[in-house]
PDB file of all heavy atoms in Angstrom:
ATOM      1  N   ASN A   1     131.830  83.316  72.926  1.00  0.00           N
ATOM      2  CA  ASN A   1     131.839  82.175  73.853  1.00  0.00           C
ATOM      3  C   ASN A   1     132.043  82.575  75.311  1.00  0.00           C
ATOM      4  O   ASN A   1     132.116  81.718  76.178  1.00  0.00           O
ATOM      5  CB  ASN A   1     132.936  81.174  73.440  1.00  0.00           C
ATOM      6  CG  ASN A   1     134.317  81.833  73.362  1.00  0.00           C
ATOM      7  OD1 ASN A   1     134.609  82.735  74.124  1.00  0.00           O
ATOM      8  ND2 ASN A   1     135.123  81.376  72.432  1.00  0.00           N
ATOM      9  N   GLY A   2     132.165  83.891  75.569  1.00  0.00           N
ATOM     10  CA  GLY A   2     132.235  84.341  76.948  1.00  0.00           C
ATOM     11  C   GLY A   2     133.568  84.175  77.604  1.00  0.00           C
ATOM     12  O   GLY A   2     133.744  84.475  78.780  1.00  0.00           O
ATOM     13  N   ASN A   3     134.569  83.689  76.908  1.00  0.00           N
ATOM     14  CA  ASN A   3     135.903  83.490  77.482  1.00  0.00           C
ATOM     15  C   ASN A   3     136.731  84.759  77.369  1.00  0.00           C
ATOM     16  O   ASN A   3     136.509  85.607  76.498  1.00  0.00           O
ATOM     17  CB  ASN A   3     136.636  82.369  76.759  1.00  0.00           C
ATOM     18  CG  ASN A   3     135.928  81.041  76.912  1.00  0.00           C
ATOM     19  OD1 ASN A   3     135.383  80.755  77.964  1.00  0.00           O
ATOM     20  ND2 ASN A   3     135.934  80.235  75.850  1.00  0.00           N
ATOM     21  N   VAL A   4     137.710  84.865  78.249  1.00  0.00           N
ATOM     22  CA  VAL A   4     138.646  85.962  78.105  1.00  0.00           C
ATOM     23  C   VAL A   4     139.406  85.778  76.814  1.00  0.00           C
ATOM     24  O   VAL A   4     139.933  84.704  76.544  1.00  0.00           O
ATOM     25  CB  VAL A   4     139.624  86.030  79.304  1.00  0.00           C
ATOM     26  CG1 VAL A   4     140.672  87.078  79.071  1.00  0.00           C
ATOM     27  CG2 VAL A   4     138.847  86.325  80.598  1.00  0.00           C
ATOM     28  N   GLY A   5     139.457  86.822  75.999  1.00  0.00           N
ATOM     29  CA  GLY A   5     140.027  86.669  74.681  1.00  0.00           C
ATOM     30  C   GLY A   5     141.224  87.559  74.469  1.00  0.00           C
ATOM     31  O   GLY A   5     141.684  88.276  75.351  1.00  0.00           O
ATOM     32  N   CYS A   6     141.741  87.516  73.260  1.00  0.00           N
ATOM     33  CA  CYS A   6     142.899  88.307  72.892  1.00  0.00           C
ATOM     34  C   CYS A   6     142.467  89.631  72.274  1.00  0.00           C
ATOM     35  O   CYS A   6     141.612  89.654  71.415  1.00  0.00           O
ATOM     36  CB  CYS A   6     143.763  87.544  71.887  1.00  0.00           C
ATOM     37  SG  CYS A   6     144.523  86.075  72.579  1.00  0.00           S
ATOM     38  N   ARG A   7     143.070  90.682  72.725  1.00  0.00           N
ATOM     39  CA  ARG A   7     142.835  91.977  72.125  1.00  0.00           C
ATOM     40  C   ARG A   7     144.198  92.617  71.888  1.00  0.00           C
ATOM     41  O   ARG A   7     145.039  92.596  72.794  1.00  0.00           O
ATOM     42  CB  ARG A   7     141.989  92.837  73.045  1.00  0.00           C
ATOM     43  CG  ARG A   7     141.725  94.223  72.482  1.00  0.00           C
ATOM     44  CD  ARG A   7     140.587  94.859  73.230  1.00  0.00           C
ATOM     45  NE  ARG A   7     140.500  96.277  72.920  1.00  0.00           N
ATOM     46  CZ  ARG A   7     139.845  97.146  73.673  1.00  0.00           C
ATOM     47  NH1 ARG A   7     139.235  96.723  74.753  1.00  0.00           N
ATOM     48  NH2 ARG A   7     139.797  98.408  73.335  1.00  0.00           N
ATOM     49  N   PRO A   8     144.414  93.179  70.731  1.00  0.00           N
ATOM     50  CA  PRO A   8     145.722  93.728  70.424  1.00  0.00           C
ATOM     51  C   PRO A   8     146.080  94.897  71.328  1.00  0.00           C
ATOM     52  O   PRO A   8     145.234  95.693  71.681  1.00  0.00           O
ATOM     53  CB  PRO A   8     145.596  94.168  68.972  1.00  0.00           C
ATOM     54  CG  PRO A   8     144.127  94.381  68.772  1.00  0.00           C
ATOM     55  CD  PRO A   8     143.463  93.363  69.631  1.00  0.00           C
ATOM     56  N   THR A   9     147.338  94.945  71.725  1.00  0.00           N
ATOM     57  CA  THR A   9     147.815  96.078  72.494  1.00  0.00           C
ATOM     58  C   THR A   9     149.007  96.681  71.802  1.00  0.00           C
ATOM     59  O   THR A   9     149.684  96.041  71.011  1.00  0.00           O
ATOM     60  CB  THR A   9     148.227  95.639  73.915  1.00  0.00           C
ATOM     61  OG1 THR A   9     149.311  94.717  73.805  1.00  0.00           O
ATOM     62  CG2 THR A   9     147.071  94.985  74.647  1.00  0.00           C
ATOM     63  N   VAL A  10     149.247  97.971  72.091  1.00  0.00           N
ATOM     64  CA  VAL A  10     150.389  98.628  71.496  1.00  0.00           C
ATOM     65  C   VAL A  10     151.446  98.846  72.581  1.00  0.00           C
ATOM     66  O   VAL A  10     151.117  98.970  73.759  1.00  0.00           O
ATOM     67  CB  VAL A  10     149.961  99.992  70.876  1.00  0.00           C
ATOM     68  CG1 VAL A  10     149.539 100.963  71.944  1.00  0.00           C
ATOM     69  CG2 VAL A  10     151.071 100.582  70.032  1.00  0.00           C
ATOM     70  N   GLY A  11     152.684  98.873  72.187  1.00  0.00           N
ATOM     71  CA  GLY A  11     153.745  99.163  73.129  1.00  0.00           C
ATOM     72  C   GLY A  11     154.303  97.938  73.823  1.00  0.00           C
ATOM     73  O   GLY A  11     155.043  98.067  74.786  1.00  0.00           O
ATOM     74  N   VAL A  12     153.912  96.743  73.396  1.00  0.00           N
ATOM     75  CA  VAL A  12     154.429  95.540  74.042  1.00  0.00           C
ATOM     76  C   VAL A  12     155.139  94.661  73.022  1.00  0.00           C
ATOM     77  O   VAL A  12     155.260  93.463  73.216  1.00  0.00           O
ATOM     78  CB  VAL A  12     153.300  94.753  74.736  1.00  0.00           C
ATOM     79  CG1 VAL A  12     152.735  95.534  75.901  1.00  0.00           C
ATOM     80  CG2 VAL A  12     152.184  94.418  73.758  1.00  0.00           C
ATOM     81  N   GLY A  13     155.603  95.241  71.937  1.00  0.00           N
ATOM     82  CA  GLY A  13     156.361  94.474  70.970  1.00  0.00           C
ATOM     83  C   GLY A  13     155.503  93.660  70.032  1.00  0.00           C
ATOM     84  O   GLY A  13     156.008  92.727  69.393  1.00  0.00           O
ATOM     85  N   VAL A  14     154.196  93.936  69.975  1.00  0.00           N
ATOM     86  CA  VAL A  14     153.306  93.187  69.105  1.00  0.00           C
ATOM     87  C   VAL A  14     153.103  93.973  67.811  1.00  0.00           C
ATOM     88  O   VAL A  14     152.566  95.075  67.840  1.00  0.00           O
ATOM     89  CB  VAL A  14     151.939  92.951  69.782  1.00  0.00           C
ATOM     90  CG1 VAL A  14     151.031  92.164  68.863  1.00  0.00           C
ATOM     91  CG2 VAL A  14     152.144  92.245  71.113  1.00  0.00           C
ATOM     92  N   PRO A  15     153.537  93.449  66.659  1.00  0.00           N
ATOM     93  CA  PRO A  15     153.332  94.169  65.404  1.00  0.00           C
ATOM     94  C   PRO A  15     151.830  94.234  65.081  1.00  0.00           C
ATOM     95  O   PRO A  15     151.139  93.244  65.198  1.00  0.00           O
ATOM     96  CB  PRO A  15     154.092  93.353  64.377  1.00  0.00           C
ATOM     97  CG  PRO A  15     154.167  91.983  64.953  1.00  0.00           C
ATOM     98  CD  PRO A  15     154.250  92.190  66.449  1.00  0.00           C
ATOM     99  N   MET A  16     151.365  95.400  64.729  1.00  0.00           N
ATOM    100  CA  MET A  16     149.943  95.579  64.455  1.00  0.00           C
ATOM    101  C   MET A  16     149.784  96.591  63.315  1.00  0.00           C
ATOM    102  O   MET A  16     150.078  97.768  63.495  1.00  0.00           O
ATOM    103  CB  MET A  16     149.226  96.082  65.719  1.00  0.00           C
ATOM    104  CG  MET A  16     147.721  96.145  65.577  1.00  0.00           C
ATOM    105  SD  MET A  16     146.971  94.542  65.290  1.00  0.00           S
ATOM    106  CE  MET A  16     147.507  93.670  66.760  1.00  0.00           C
ATOM    107  N   ASN A  17     149.307  96.132  62.174  1.00  0.00           N
ATOM    108  CA  ASN A  17     149.131  96.993  61.017  1.00  0.00           C
ATOM    109  C   ASN A  17     147.662  97.138  60.700  1.00  0.00           C
ATOM    110  O   ASN A  17     146.914  96.142  60.644  1.00  0.00           O
ATOM    111  CB  ASN A  17     149.867  96.397  59.802  1.00  0.00           C
ATOM    112  CG  ASN A  17     151.372  96.484  59.953  1.00  0.00           C
ATOM    113  OD1 ASN A  17     151.891  96.982  60.946  1.00  0.00           O
ATOM    114  ND2 ASN A  17     152.078  95.969  58.962  1.00  0.00           N
ATOM    115  N   VAL A  18     147.222  98.368  60.489  1.00  0.00           N
ATOM    116  CA  VAL A  18     145.826  98.688  60.242  1.00  0.00           C
ATOM    117  C   VAL A  18     145.701  99.465  58.952  1.00  0.00           C
ATOM    118  O   VAL A  18     146.384 100.488  58.758  1.00  0.00           O
ATOM    119  CB  VAL A  18     145.224  99.512  61.406  1.00  0.00           C
ATOM    120  CG1 VAL A  18     143.769  99.887  61.116  1.00  0.00           C
ATOM    121  CG2 VAL A  18     145.332  98.750  62.723  1.00  0.00           C
ATOM    122  N   ALA A  19     144.807  99.006  58.057  1.00  0.00           N
ATOM    123  CA  ALA A  19     144.524  99.690  56.802  1.00  0.00           C
ATOM    124  C   ALA A  19     143.074 100.153  56.805  1.00  0.00           C
ATOM    125  O   ALA A  19     142.162  99.356  57.119  1.00  0.00           O
ATOM    126  CB  ALA A  19     144.807  98.791  55.588  1.00  0.00           C
ATOM    127  N   LEU A  20     142.850 101.405  56.473  1.00  0.00           N
ATOM    128  CA  LEU A  20     141.508 101.993  56.375  1.00  0.00           C
ATOM    129  C   LEU A  20     141.311 102.428  54.941  1.00  0.00           C
ATOM    130  O   LEU A  20     141.983 103.326  54.452  1.00  0.00           O
ATOM    131  CB  LEU A  20     141.406 103.183  57.333  1.00  0.00           C
ATOM    132  CG  LEU A  20     140.089 103.949  57.364  1.00  0.00           C
ATOM    133  CD1 LEU A  20     138.946 103.066  57.880  1.00  0.00           C
ATOM    134  CD2 LEU A  20     140.214 105.188  58.249  1.00  0.00           C
ATOM    135  N   VAL A  21     140.368 101.775  54.230  1.00  0.00           N
ATOM    136  CA  VAL A  21     140.185 101.997  52.806  1.00  0.00           C
ATOM    137  C   VAL A  21     138.791 102.537  52.543  1.00  0.00           C
ATOM    138  O   VAL A  21     137.786 101.879  52.871  1.00  0.00           O
ATOM    139  CB  VAL A  21     140.398 100.704  51.997  1.00  0.00           C
ATOM    140  CG1 VAL A  21     140.245 100.977  50.511  1.00  0.00           C
ATOM    141  CG2 VAL A  21     141.764 100.115  52.297  1.00  0.00           C
ATOM    142  N   VAL A  22     138.713 103.726  51.959  1.00  0.00           N
ATOM    143  CA  VAL A  22     137.441 104.331  51.582  1.00  0.00           C
ATOM    144  C   VAL A  22     137.226 104.144  50.090  1.00  0.00           C
ATOM    145  O   VAL A  22     138.011 104.632  49.271  1.00  0.00           O
ATOM    146  CB  VAL A  22     137.421 105.819  51.950  1.00  0.00           C
ATOM    147  CG1 VAL A  22     136.148 106.497  51.400  1.00  0.00           C
ATOM    148  CG2 VAL A  22     137.484 105.996  53.470  1.00  0.00           C
ATOM    149  N   LEU A  23     136.141 103.464  49.737  1.00  0.00           N
ATOM    150  CA  LEU A  23     135.730 103.314  48.356  1.00  0.00           C
ATOM    151  C   LEU A  23     134.710 104.421  48.093  1.00  0.00           C
ATOM    152  O   LEU A  23     133.516 104.254  48.287  1.00  0.00           O
ATOM    153  CB  LEU A  23     135.131 101.930  48.096  1.00  0.00           C
ATOM    154  CG  LEU A  23     136.040 100.760  48.520  1.00  0.00           C
ATOM    155  CD1 LEU A  23     135.348  99.435  48.249  1.00  0.00           C
ATOM    156  CD2 LEU A  23     137.384 100.815  47.806  1.00  0.00           C
ATOM    157  N   ASP A  24     135.204 105.558  47.679  1.00  0.00           N
ATOM    158  CA  ASP A  24     134.437 106.789  47.612  1.00  0.00           C
ATOM    159  C   ASP A  24     133.195 106.605  46.751  1.00  0.00           C
ATOM    160  O   ASP A  24     133.246 106.049  45.649  1.00  0.00           O
ATOM    161  CB  ASP A  24     135.322 107.903  47.046  1.00  0.00           C
ATOM    162  CG  ASP A  24     134.915 109.282  47.503  1.00  0.00           C
ATOM    163  OD1 ASP A  24     133.833 109.719  47.086  1.00  0.00           O
ATOM    164  OD2 ASP A  24     135.660 109.895  48.280  1.00  0.00           O
TER     165      ASP A  24
END
């Protein structure tokens, strides 16, 4: 929609969990 949006940042107290799963 062209609006300024939210992008996660680190180091500002925002919990952010990332899972990377390889289905071999």
